[in-house]
Amino acid sequence: MISGSTQCKRVTSLPTLTSQPHQVLASEPVPPSDIQQISKIAAYASSALSQIKVDAKEELVVQFAIP
């Protein structure tokens, strides 16, 4: 039995980050060890950035005299 209401399926398009998605989809997947290493490096970088502190010893904004 066919339902009386028609439902439209949304077609999900591929990301447009590449001009040849078929080659990306056909390539070997990224090994889990590589993903783990990238995640670890990103965590180290995030930690390092959060520890940066600026020790301002003088004004960072220069005041200009307006005539």
Protein backbone atom coordinates (compact mmCIF):
# COMPACT_ATOMS: atom_id res chain seq x y z
CA MET A 1 0.00 0.00 0.00
CA ILE A 2 1.33 3.43 -0.96
CA SER A 3 0.93 6.26 1.49
CA GLY A 4 -1.18 9.21 0.34
CA SER A 5 1.39 11.76 1.47
CA THR A 6 4.48 12.35 -0.57
CA GLN A 7 7.68 12.83 1.34
CA CYS A 8 10.72 14.43 -0.19
CA LYS A 9 14.03 12.95 0.80
CA ARG A 10 16.81 15.44 1.34
CA VAL A 11 19.80 14.64 -0.77
CA THR A 12 23.00 15.08 1.18
CA SER A 13 25.72 16.49 -1.00
CA LEU A 14 29.39 15.77 -0.55
CA PRO A 15 31.62 18.42 0.97
CA THR A 16 33.05 20.79 -1.61
CA LEU A 17 36.57 20.77 -0.16
CA THR A 18 37.89 18.92 -3.18
CA SER A 19 37.27 19.09 -6.89
CA GLN A 20 37.57 15.29 -7.16
CA PRO A 21 35.55 13.70 -4.34
CA HIS A 22 35.57 10.29 -6.04
CA GLN A 23 39.34 10.07 -5.54
CA VAL A 24 39.05 11.05 -1.88
CA LEU A 25 36.30 8.51 -1.27
CA ALA A 26 38.20 5.77 -3.09
CA SER A 27 41.47 6.37 -1.20
CA GLU A 28 42.61 4.39 1.83
CA PRO A 29 41.18 5.61 5.15
CA VAL A 30 43.45 7.45 7.56
CA PRO A 31 44.96 4.94 10.01
CA PRO A 32 43.72 5.29 13.62
CA SER A 33 47.33 5.71 14.82
CA ASP A 34 47.66 8.82 12.60
CA ILE A 35 44.40 10.25 13.94
CA GLN A 36 45.58 9.58 17.50
CA GLN A 37 48.91 11.31 16.82
CA ILE A 38 47.20 14.35 15.26
CA SER A 39 44.82 14.58 18.24
CA LYS A 40 47.74 14.38 20.67
CA ILE A 41 49.68 17.11 18.84
CA ALA A 42 46.58 19.32 18.72
CA ALA A 43 46.10 18.87 22.49
CA TYR A 44 49.75 19.81 23.12
CA ALA A 45 49.40 22.90 20.90
CA SER A 46 46.19 23.93 22.66
CA SER A 47 47.84 23.52 26.05
CA ALA A 48 50.87 25.54 24.94
CA LEU A 49 48.68 28.35 23.60
CA SER A 50 46.68 28.51 26.80
CA GLN A 51 49.89 29.02 28.79
CA ILE A 52 51.08 32.04 26.80
CA LYS A 53 51.00 35.17 28.91
CA VAL A 54 51.90 38.71 27.87
CA ASP A 55 53.82 40.65 30.49
CA ALA A 56 53.10 44.20 29.36
CA LYS A 57 55.62 46.58 30.86
CA GLU A 58 54.43 49.56 28.88
CA GLU A 59 51.30 50.75 27.13
CA LEU A 60 50.31 48.53 24.23
CA VAL A 61 48.20 51.28 22.66
CA VAL A 62 49.91 54.47 21.60
CA GLN A 63 47.91 57.60 22.34
CA PHE A 64 47.98 60.08 19.46
CA ALA A 65 47.35 63.76 20.11
CA ILE A 66 44.40 65.00 18.05
CA PRO A 67 44.87 68.67 17.10
